[in-house]
């Protein structure tokens, strides 16, 4: 007996279509799109013959989705097609994970960009401090001590300080 001899009635095309419909609607709503907005996005993505009734019927489970249509819908919703085929609870977790990863990536890029600014400002402070010293300003004259102190700090220090703040806030919430 092979796996194909007794197909699982809970995993046929109708079940897959129902999962797709539930996940499609959830992702559309999560993106803040109306059905008309999704149709507009689909038409911009070269599915010219799509109508709002088509989207509505797919979401209600009244019309199965074709593979090419499913791919276009996933692209228009900016989600991985595989997420639209998962069990709805699993799809919800994966969508949340995807969103969290995008947020984390965005934070990382922001840190990289701010680090670039930090290095530029650090070079400027270093050059101006050298100029001030060469002009005979005393080491205790404002703002030389602050400049020396600022030059000792690094982006790694800022990350460590941010981590400490995060841990403190996390403990306060518990």
N, C-alpha and C. Protein backbone atom coordinates (compact mmCIF):
# COMPACT_ATOMS: atom_id res chain seq x y z
N UNK A 1 0.85 -1.19 0.00
CA UNK A 1 0.00 0.00 0.00
C UNK A 1 0.89 1.24 0.00
N UNK A 2 0.57 2.16 -0.87
CA UNK A 2 1.34 3.40 -0.94
C UNK A 2 0.54 4.53 -0.32
N UNK A 3 1.20 5.66 -0.15
CA UNK A 3 0.55 6.83 0.43
C UNK A 3 -0.61 7.31 -0.43
N UNK A 4 -0.55 7.04 -1.73
CA UNK A 4 -1.61 7.49 -2.64
C UNK A 4 -2.85 6.61 -2.60
N UNK A 5 -2.75 5.40 -2.00
CA UNK A 5 -3.90 4.50 -1.94
C UNK A 5 -5.02 5.05 -1.07
N UNK A 6 -4.68 5.70 0.02
CA UNK A 6 -5.67 6.28 0.93
C UNK A 6 -5.37 7.75 1.13
N UNK A 7 -5.79 8.60 0.18
CA UNK A 7 -5.50 10.02 0.33
C UNK A 7 -6.19 10.59 1.57
N UNK A 8 -5.54 11.50 2.20
CA UNK A 8 -6.07 12.15 3.40
C UNK A 8 -7.16 13.12 2.98
N UNK A 9 -8.41 12.88 3.40
CA UNK A 9 -9.50 13.76 2.98
C UNK A 9 -9.37 15.17 3.55
N UNK A 10 -8.52 15.33 4.55
CA UNK A 10 -8.34 16.65 5.16
C UNK A 10 -7.21 17.43 4.51
N UNK A 11 -6.64 16.92 3.43
CA UNK A 11 -5.54 17.62 2.78
C UNK A 11 -5.68 17.60 1.27
N UNK A 12 -6.88 17.80 0.78
CA UNK A 12 -7.11 17.82 -0.65
C UNK A 12 -7.10 19.24 -1.19
N UNK A 13 -7.34 19.39 -2.48
CA UNK A 13 -7.34 20.71 -3.10
C UNK A 13 -8.32 21.68 -2.45
N UNK A 14 -9.49 21.20 -2.05
CA UNK A 14 -10.48 22.10 -1.44
C UNK A 14 -9.96 22.67 -0.12
N UNK A 15 -9.26 21.84 0.64
CA UNK A 15 -8.70 22.30 1.92
C UNK A 15 -7.60 23.32 1.67
N UNK A 16 -6.77 23.05 0.67
CA UNK A 16 -5.70 23.99 0.32
C UNK A 16 -6.29 25.31 -0.15
N UNK A 17 -7.34 25.24 -0.97
CA UNK A 17 -8.00 26.46 -1.43
C UNK A 17 -8.59 27.24 -0.26
N UNK A 18 -9.18 26.53 0.71
CA UNK A 18 -9.77 27.20 1.87
C UNK A 18 -8.68 27.87 2.71
N UNK A 19 -7.56 27.18 2.89
CA UNK A 19 -6.43 27.79 3.62
C UNK A 19 -5.97 29.05 2.91
N UNK A 20 -5.80 28.93 1.60
CA UNK A 20 -5.35 30.07 0.81
C UNK A 20 -6.30 31.25 0.99
N UNK A 21 -7.59 31.00 0.91
CA UNK A 21 -8.59 32.06 1.01
C UNK A 21 -8.52 32.76 2.36
N UNK A 22 -8.43 31.98 3.43
CA UNK A 22 -8.35 32.55 4.78
C UNK A 22 -7.09 33.39 4.92
N UNK A 23 -5.97 32.84 4.49
CA UNK A 23 -4.69 33.55 4.62
C UNK A 23 -4.61 34.77 3.71
N UNK A 24 -5.20 34.65 2.52
CA UNK A 24 -5.21 35.78 1.58
C UNK A 24 -5.95 36.95 2.21
N UNK A 25 -7.13 36.69 2.76
CA UNK A 25 -7.92 37.75 3.36
C UNK A 25 -7.18 38.34 4.57
N UNK A 26 -6.61 37.49 5.40
CA UNK A 26 -5.88 37.97 6.57
C UNK A 26 -4.72 38.87 6.16
N UNK A 27 -3.95 38.45 5.16
CA UNK A 27 -2.80 39.23 4.70
C UNK A 27 -3.24 40.54 4.05
N UNK A 28 -4.34 40.49 3.31
CA UNK A 28 -4.86 41.71 2.68
C UNK A 28 -5.26 42.71 3.76
N UNK A 29 -5.96 42.23 4.77
CA UNK A 29 -6.40 43.11 5.86
C UNK A 29 -5.21 43.60 6.67
N UNK A 30 -4.23 42.72 6.91
CA UNK A 30 -3.04 43.11 7.65
C UNK A 30 -2.28 44.22 6.93
N UNK A 31 -2.30 44.17 5.60
CA UNK A 31 -1.64 45.19 4.79
C UNK A 31 -2.47 46.47 4.70
N UNK A 32 -3.68 46.43 5.26
CA UNK A 32 -4.54 47.61 5.23
C UNK A 32 -5.13 47.87 3.86
N UNK A 33 -5.31 46.81 3.09
CA UNK A 33 -5.84 46.94 1.73
C UNK A 33 -7.30 46.52 1.67
N UNK A 34 -8.08 47.26 0.92
CA UNK A 34 -9.44 46.82 0.60
C UNK A 34 -9.31 45.84 -0.58
N UNK A 35 -10.41 45.18 -0.90
CA UNK A 35 -10.38 44.30 -2.07
C UNK A 35 -10.09 45.11 -3.32
N UNK A 36 -10.63 46.31 -3.40
CA UNK A 36 -10.38 47.18 -4.57
C UNK A 36 -8.90 47.56 -4.65
N UNK A 37 -8.27 47.81 -3.49
CA UNK A 37 -6.83 48.12 -3.48
C UNK A 37 -6.03 46.93 -3.99
N UNK A 38 -6.41 45.73 -3.55
CA UNK A 38 -5.71 44.53 -4.00
C UNK A 38 -5.87 44.35 -5.51
N UNK A 39 -7.06 44.59 -6.01
CA UNK A 39 -7.29 44.49 -7.46
C UNK A 39 -6.39 45.47 -8.20
N UNK A 40 -6.29 46.69 -7.70
CA UNK A 40 -5.42 47.70 -8.32
C UNK A 40 -3.97 47.20 -8.34
N UNK A 41 -3.51 46.65 -7.21
CA UNK A 41 -2.15 46.12 -7.15
C UNK A 41 -1.96 44.94 -8.11
N UNK A 42 -2.96 44.10 -8.20
CA UNK A 42 -2.87 42.95 -9.11
C UNK A 42 -2.80 43.41 -10.57
N UNK A 43 -3.59 44.42 -10.90
CA UNK A 43 -3.55 44.94 -12.28
C UNK A 43 -2.21 45.59 -12.58
N UNK A 44 -1.66 46.28 -11.60
CA UNK A 44 -0.31 46.87 -11.78
C UNK A 44 0.73 45.77 -11.95
N UNK A 45 0.44 44.60 -11.39
CA UNK A 45 1.34 43.46 -11.52
C UNK A 45 1.03 42.60 -12.73
N UNK A 46 0.26 43.12 -13.67
CA UNK A 46 -0.02 42.49 -14.97
C UNK A 46 -1.10 41.41 -14.95
N UNK A 47 -1.96 41.38 -13.96
CA UNK A 47 -3.16 40.52 -14.04
C UNK A 47 -4.30 41.45 -14.40
N UNK A 48 -4.40 41.77 -15.68
CA UNK A 48 -5.31 42.81 -16.16
C UNK A 48 -6.79 42.43 -16.07
N UNK A 49 -7.11 41.15 -16.11
CA UNK A 49 -8.51 40.73 -16.17
C UNK A 49 -9.13 40.50 -14.80
N UNK A 50 -8.42 40.79 -13.74
CA UNK A 50 -8.96 40.56 -12.39
C UNK A 50 -10.00 41.62 -12.03
N UNK A 51 -11.02 41.19 -11.32
CA UNK A 51 -12.08 42.08 -10.86
C UNK A 51 -12.26 41.89 -9.36
N UNK A 52 -12.89 42.86 -8.72
CA UNK A 52 -13.12 42.77 -7.29
C UNK A 52 -13.97 41.54 -6.95
N UNK A 53 -14.90 41.20 -7.83
CA UNK A 53 -15.73 40.01 -7.58
C UNK A 53 -14.87 38.75 -7.55
N UNK A 54 -13.80 38.72 -8.36
CA UNK A 54 -12.90 37.57 -8.36
C UNK A 54 -12.23 37.45 -7.00
N UNK A 55 -11.70 38.56 -6.49
CA UNK A 55 -11.05 38.57 -5.18
C UNK A 55 -12.05 38.15 -4.11
N UNK A 56 -13.24 38.71 -4.16
CA UNK A 56 -14.28 38.39 -3.18
C UNK A 56 -14.63 36.91 -3.21
N UNK A 57 -14.82 36.36 -4.38
CA UNK A 57 -15.19 34.94 -4.51
C UNK A 57 -14.06 34.03 -4.04
N UNK A 58 -12.81 34.40 -4.31
CA UNK A 58 -11.68 33.59 -3.83
C UNK A 58 -11.65 33.62 -2.30
N UNK A 59 -11.79 34.82 -1.72
CA UNK A 59 -11.74 34.94 -0.26
C UNK A 59 -12.91 34.22 0.42
N UNK A 60 -14.07 34.17 -0.22
CA UNK A 60 -15.22 33.48 0.35
C UNK A 60 -15.17 31.97 0.11
N UNK A 61 -14.19 31.52 -0.68
CA UNK A 61 -14.09 30.10 -0.97
C UNK A 61 -15.06 29.65 -2.04
N UNK A 62 -15.63 30.59 -2.78
CA UNK A 62 -16.58 30.27 -3.83
C UNK A 62 -15.90 29.95 -5.16
N UNK A 63 -14.63 30.31 -5.24
CA UNK A 63 -13.88 30.11 -6.48
C UNK A 63 -12.47 29.67 -6.13
N UNK A 64 -12.02 28.55 -6.70
CA UNK A 64 -10.64 28.15 -6.44
C UNK A 64 -9.67 29.10 -7.13
N UNK A 65 -8.50 29.21 -6.60
CA UNK A 65 -7.49 30.08 -7.18
C UNK A 65 -6.56 29.23 -8.05
N UNK A 66 -6.20 29.76 -9.18
CA UNK A 66 -5.24 29.07 -10.05
C UNK A 66 -3.82 29.38 -9.57
N UNK A 67 -2.88 28.54 -9.92
CA UNK A 67 -1.51 28.70 -9.45
C UNK A 67 -0.92 30.05 -9.84
N UNK A 68 -1.09 30.44 -11.09
CA UNK A 68 -0.55 31.73 -11.54
C UNK A 68 -1.21 32.90 -10.80
N UNK A 69 -2.51 32.75 -10.54
CA UNK A 69 -3.21 33.78 -9.79
C UNK A 69 -2.69 33.85 -8.35
N UNK A 70 -2.47 32.68 -7.76
CA UNK A 70 -1.96 32.63 -6.38
C UNK A 70 -0.61 33.31 -6.30
N UNK A 71 0.23 33.09 -7.30
CA UNK A 71 1.55 33.73 -7.32
C UNK A 71 1.40 35.24 -7.44
N UNK A 72 0.49 35.69 -8.29
CA UNK A 72 0.26 37.14 -8.45
C UNK A 72 -0.28 37.75 -7.16
N UNK A 73 -1.19 37.06 -6.50
CA UNK A 73 -1.77 37.54 -5.25
C UNK A 73 -0.68 37.65 -4.19
N UNK A 74 0.14 36.63 -4.07
CA UNK A 74 1.23 36.66 -3.08
C UNK A 74 2.16 37.85 -3.35
N UNK A 75 2.51 38.07 -4.61
CA UNK A 75 3.37 39.22 -4.96
C UNK A 75 2.70 40.54 -4.60
N UNK A 76 1.41 40.65 -4.93
CA UNK A 76 0.68 41.89 -4.66
C UNK A 76 0.57 42.16 -3.16
N UNK A 77 0.51 41.09 -2.37
CA UNK A 77 0.43 41.23 -0.91
C UNK A 77 1.81 41.29 -0.26
N UNK A 78 2.85 41.10 -1.09
CA UNK A 78 4.23 41.11 -0.61
C UNK A 78 4.47 40.05 0.47
N UNK A 79 3.97 38.85 0.19
CA UNK A 79 4.19 37.73 1.09
C UNK A 79 4.68 36.54 0.27
N UNK A 80 5.30 35.62 0.95
CA UNK A 80 5.75 34.39 0.32
C UNK A 80 4.52 33.51 0.04
N UNK A 81 4.42 32.99 -1.15
CA UNK A 81 3.28 32.15 -1.53
C UNK A 81 3.10 31.00 -0.54
N UNK A 82 4.20 30.46 -0.05
CA UNK A 82 4.11 29.32 0.89
C UNK A 82 3.33 29.71 2.14
N UNK A 83 3.42 30.97 2.57
CA UNK A 83 2.68 31.40 3.77
C UNK A 83 1.18 31.36 3.54
N UNK A 84 0.76 31.59 2.30
CA UNK A 84 -0.67 31.57 1.99
C UNK A 84 -1.22 30.15 1.94
N UNK A 85 -0.35 29.16 1.93
CA UNK A 85 -0.77 27.76 1.85
C UNK A 85 -0.73 27.04 3.20
N UNK A 86 -0.23 27.71 4.21
CA UNK A 86 -0.12 27.10 5.54
C UNK A 86 -1.46 27.04 6.24
N UNK A 87 -1.52 26.21 7.28
CA UNK A 87 -2.68 26.25 8.17
C UNK A 87 -2.80 27.68 8.67
N UNK A 88 -4.00 28.23 8.81
CA UNK A 88 -4.15 29.64 9.20
C UNK A 88 -3.39 30.04 10.47
N UNK A 89 -3.39 29.20 11.50
CA UNK A 89 -2.65 29.55 12.72
C UNK A 89 -1.15 29.61 12.46
N UNK A 90 -0.66 28.66 11.66
CA UNK A 90 0.77 28.66 11.31
C UNK A 90 1.09 29.88 10.45
N UNK A 91 0.20 30.23 9.54
CA UNK A 91 0.43 31.39 8.67
C UNK A 91 0.48 32.67 9.49
N UNK A 92 -0.35 32.74 10.53
CA UNK A 92 -0.37 33.92 11.38
C UNK A 92 0.97 34.05 12.11
N UNK A 93 1.49 32.94 12.62
CA UNK A 93 2.79 32.95 13.30
C UNK A 93 3.89 33.35 12.33
N UNK A 94 3.86 32.77 11.13
CA UNK A 94 4.90 33.07 10.15
C UNK A 94 4.83 34.52 9.69
N UNK A 95 3.62 35.07 9.56
CA UNK A 95 3.48 36.47 9.17
C UNK A 95 4.02 37.38 10.28
N UNK A 96 3.74 37.02 11.53
CA UNK A 96 4.26 37.80 12.65
C UNK A 96 5.78 37.72 12.70
N UNK A 97 6.31 36.53 12.46
CA UNK A 97 7.77 36.36 12.44
C UNK A 97 8.38 37.18 11.32
N UNK A 98 7.77 37.13 10.14
CA UNK A 98 8.27 37.89 9.00
C UNK A 98 8.28 39.38 9.32
N UNK A 99 7.22 39.86 9.93
CA UNK A 99 7.13 41.28 10.31
C UNK A 99 8.21 41.64 11.33
N UNK A 100 8.41 40.77 12.32
CA UNK A 100 9.43 41.03 13.34
C UNK A 100 10.83 41.04 12.73
N UNK A 101 11.08 40.13 11.79
CA UNK A 101 12.39 40.08 11.13
C UNK A 101 12.62 41.36 10.33
N UNK A 102 11.60 41.83 9.64
CA UNK A 102 11.73 43.08 8.87
C UNK A 102 12.02 44.25 9.81
N UNK A 103 11.35 44.28 10.96
CA UNK A 103 11.61 45.32 11.95
C UNK A 103 13.03 45.26 12.48
N UNK A 104 13.49 44.04 12.76
CA UNK A 104 14.85 43.85 13.26
C UNK A 104 15.87 44.27 12.20
N UNK A 105 15.62 43.88 10.96
CA UNK A 105 16.51 44.29 9.87
C UNK A 105 16.54 45.81 9.73
N UNK A 106 15.37 46.44 9.85
CA UNK A 106 15.30 47.89 9.77
C UNK A 106 16.09 48.56 10.88
N UNK A 107 16.00 48.00 12.08
CA UNK A 107 16.77 48.53 13.21
C UNK A 107 18.26 48.37 12.98
N UNK A 108 18.64 47.25 12.42
CA UNK A 108 20.06 47.00 12.13
C UNK A 108 20.58 48.03 11.13
N UNK A 109 19.81 48.27 10.07
CA UNK A 109 20.20 49.25 9.06
C UNK A 109 20.31 50.64 9.69
N UNK A 110 19.36 50.96 10.59
CA UNK A 110 19.41 52.26 11.27
C UNK A 110 20.68 52.38 12.11
N UNK A 111 21.05 51.30 12.78
CA UNK A 111 22.29 51.32 13.58
C UNK A 111 23.49 51.53 12.67
N UNK A 112 23.53 50.82 11.56
CA UNK A 112 24.65 50.97 10.61
C UNK A 112 24.72 52.42 10.12
N UNK A 113 23.58 52.98 9.74
CA UNK A 113 23.55 54.36 9.24
C UNK A 113 23.97 55.35 10.32
N UNK A 114 23.48 55.16 11.53
CA UNK A 114 23.85 56.07 12.62
C UNK A 114 25.32 55.89 12.99
N UNK A 115 25.85 54.68 12.86
CA UNK A 115 27.27 54.46 13.13
C UNK A 115 28.12 55.22 12.13
N UNK A 116 27.67 55.25 10.89
CA UNK A 116 28.37 56.01 9.86
C UNK A 116 28.41 57.49 10.25
N UNK A 117 27.29 58.02 10.70
CA UNK A 117 27.23 59.42 11.15
C UNK A 117 28.14 59.61 12.36
N UNK A 118 28.11 58.64 13.29
CA UNK A 118 28.93 58.73 14.49
C UNK A 118 30.41 58.83 14.12
N UNK A 119 30.86 57.99 13.19
CA UNK A 119 32.27 58.02 12.78
C UNK A 119 32.64 59.37 12.17
N UNK A 120 31.76 59.91 11.37
CA UNK A 120 32.01 61.21 10.75
C UNK A 120 32.12 62.30 11.83
N UNK A 121 31.18 62.29 12.77
CA UNK A 121 31.22 63.28 13.85
C UNK A 121 32.44 63.08 14.76
N UNK A 122 32.78 61.82 14.99
CA UNK A 122 33.96 61.53 15.82
C UNK A 122 35.21 62.10 15.17
N UNK A 123 35.36 61.91 13.85
CA UNK A 123 36.51 62.46 13.13
C UNK A 123 36.54 63.99 13.27
N UNK A 124 35.37 64.60 13.16
CA UNK A 124 35.28 66.05 13.29
C UNK A 124 35.70 66.51 14.68
N UNK A 125 35.20 65.83 15.74
CA UNK A 125 35.57 66.19 17.11
C UNK A 125 37.07 66.00 17.32
N UNK A 126 37.61 64.92 16.79
CA UNK A 126 39.04 64.64 16.93
C UNK A 126 39.87 65.75 16.27
N UNK A 127 39.48 66.14 15.06
CA UNK A 127 40.21 67.19 14.34
C UNK A 127 40.10 68.54 15.06
N UNK A 128 38.90 68.87 15.53
CA UNK A 128 38.70 70.13 16.23
C UNK A 128 39.43 70.15 17.58
N UNK A 129 39.48 69.02 18.26
CA UNK A 129 40.21 68.92 19.52
C UNK A 129 41.71 69.14 19.27
N UNK A 130 42.21 68.54 18.23
CA UNK A 130 43.63 68.74 17.87
C UNK A 130 43.90 70.21 17.57
N UNK A 131 43.01 70.86 16.84
CA UNK A 131 43.15 72.28 16.52
C UNK A 131 43.11 73.13 17.79
N UNK A 132 42.17 72.81 18.68
CA UNK A 132 42.06 73.57 19.94
C UNK A 132 43.32 73.43 20.79
N UNK A 133 43.85 72.22 20.87
CA UNK A 133 45.08 71.99 21.63
C UNK A 133 46.25 72.75 21.00
N UNK A 134 46.33 72.69 19.67
CA UNK A 134 47.42 73.37 18.96
C UNK A 134 47.33 74.88 19.14
N UNK A 135 46.11 75.39 19.36
CA UNK A 135 45.92 76.82 19.58
C UNK A 135 46.21 77.23 21.02
N UNK A 136 46.59 76.26 21.86
CA UNK A 136 46.97 76.56 23.23
C UNK A 136 45.85 76.53 24.25
N UNK A 137 44.69 76.00 23.90
CA UNK A 137 43.61 75.91 24.89
C UNK A 137 43.96 74.85 25.94
N UNK A 138 43.64 75.16 27.18
CA UNK A 138 43.95 74.26 28.30
C UNK A 138 43.06 73.03 28.24
N UNK A 139 43.60 71.89 28.73
CA UNK A 139 42.87 70.62 28.72
C UNK A 139 41.60 70.68 29.56
N UNK A 140 41.54 71.57 30.55
CA UNK A 140 40.35 71.66 31.40
C UNK A 140 39.38 72.76 30.94
N UNK A 141 39.70 73.39 29.83
CA UNK A 141 38.84 74.46 29.31
C UNK A 141 37.66 73.85 28.54
N UNK A 142 36.46 74.36 28.86
CA UNK A 142 35.26 73.87 28.19
C UNK A 142 35.34 74.13 26.70
N UNK A 143 35.04 73.23 25.84
CA UNK A 143 34.49 71.88 26.00
C UNK A 143 35.52 70.77 25.78
N UNK A 144 36.81 71.05 26.02
CA UNK A 144 37.82 70.02 25.78
C UNK A 144 37.60 68.75 26.61
N UNK A 145 37.31 68.85 27.91
CA UNK A 145 37.08 67.61 28.68
C UNK A 145 35.91 66.79 28.12
N UNK A 146 34.86 67.48 27.70
CA UNK A 146 33.70 66.78 27.12
C UNK A 146 34.09 66.10 25.80
N UNK A 147 34.93 66.75 25.03
CA UNK A 147 35.38 66.17 23.76
C UNK A 147 36.21 64.91 24.01
N UNK A 148 37.12 64.98 24.99
CA UNK A 148 37.94 63.82 25.33
C UNK A 148 37.05 62.67 25.78
N UNK A 149 36.07 62.99 26.62
CA UNK A 149 35.14 61.97 27.11
C UNK A 149 34.33 61.36 25.96
N UNK A 150 33.86 62.20 25.06
CA UNK A 150 33.06 61.71 23.92
C UNK A 150 33.89 60.79 23.03
N UNK A 151 35.18 61.09 22.88
CA UNK A 151 36.04 60.27 22.03
C UNK A 151 36.31 58.89 22.64
N UNK A 152 36.10 58.74 23.92
CA UNK A 152 36.32 57.43 24.58
C UNK A 152 35.15 56.48 24.34
N UNK A 153 33.99 57.03 24.05
CA UNK A 153 32.79 56.20 23.84
C UNK A 153 32.79 55.65 22.42
N UNK A 154 32.24 54.46 22.29
CA UNK A 154 32.18 53.79 20.99
C UNK A 154 30.74 53.35 20.70
N UNK A 155 30.45 53.02 19.46
CA UNK A 155 29.13 52.46 19.16
C UNK A 155 28.84 51.19 19.98
N UNK A 156 29.87 50.42 20.25
CA UNK A 156 29.68 49.21 21.08
C UNK A 156 29.21 49.59 22.47
N UNK A 157 29.73 50.69 23.01
CA UNK A 157 29.27 51.18 24.31
C UNK A 157 27.79 51.55 24.25
N UNK A 158 27.39 52.20 23.18
CA UNK A 158 25.99 52.60 23.02
C UNK A 158 25.08 51.37 22.95
N UNK A 159 25.53 50.35 22.23
CA UNK A 159 24.75 49.12 22.12
C UNK A 159 24.64 48.45 23.49
N UNK A 160 25.75 48.40 24.22
CA UNK A 160 25.73 47.80 25.56
C UNK A 160 24.80 48.59 26.49
N UNK A 161 24.84 49.90 26.40
CA UNK A 161 23.97 50.74 27.24
C UNK A 161 22.50 50.53 26.86
N UNK A 162 22.23 50.44 25.58
CA UNK A 162 20.87 50.18 25.13
C UNK A 162 20.38 48.82 25.61
N UNK A 163 21.26 47.84 25.59
CA UNK A 163 20.90 46.50 26.07
C UNK A 163 20.57 46.55 27.57
N UNK A 164 21.37 47.29 28.34
CA UNK A 164 21.11 47.43 29.77
C UNK A 164 19.75 48.09 30.00
N UNK A 165 19.44 49.13 29.24
CA UNK A 165 18.15 49.80 29.37
C UNK A 165 17.01 48.84 29.04
N UNK A 166 17.20 48.07 27.99
CA UNK A 166 16.19 47.09 27.58
C UNK A 166 15.95 46.08 28.69
N UNK A 167 17.02 45.54 29.24
CA UNK A 167 16.90 44.55 30.32
C UNK A 167 16.22 45.14 31.54
N UNK A 168 16.55 46.39 31.85
CA UNK A 168 15.94 47.06 33.01
C UNK A 168 14.43 47.24 32.78
N UNK A 169 14.04 47.67 31.59
CA UNK A 169 12.63 47.85 31.27
C UNK A 169 11.90 46.51 31.29
N UNK A 170 12.56 45.48 30.81
CA UNK A 170 11.97 44.14 30.78
C UNK A 170 11.71 43.65 32.20
N UNK A 171 12.66 43.89 33.11
CA UNK A 171 12.50 43.48 34.51
C UNK A 171 11.41 44.30 35.18
N UNK A 172 11.29 45.57 34.82
CA UNK A 172 10.27 46.45 35.42
C UNK A 172 8.87 45.99 35.02
N UNK A 173 8.73 45.47 33.81
CA UNK A 173 7.44 45.01 33.32
C UNK A 173 7.01 43.71 33.99
N UNK A 174 7.98 42.91 34.44
CA UNK A 174 7.67 41.58 35.00
C UNK A 174 7.11 41.66 36.39
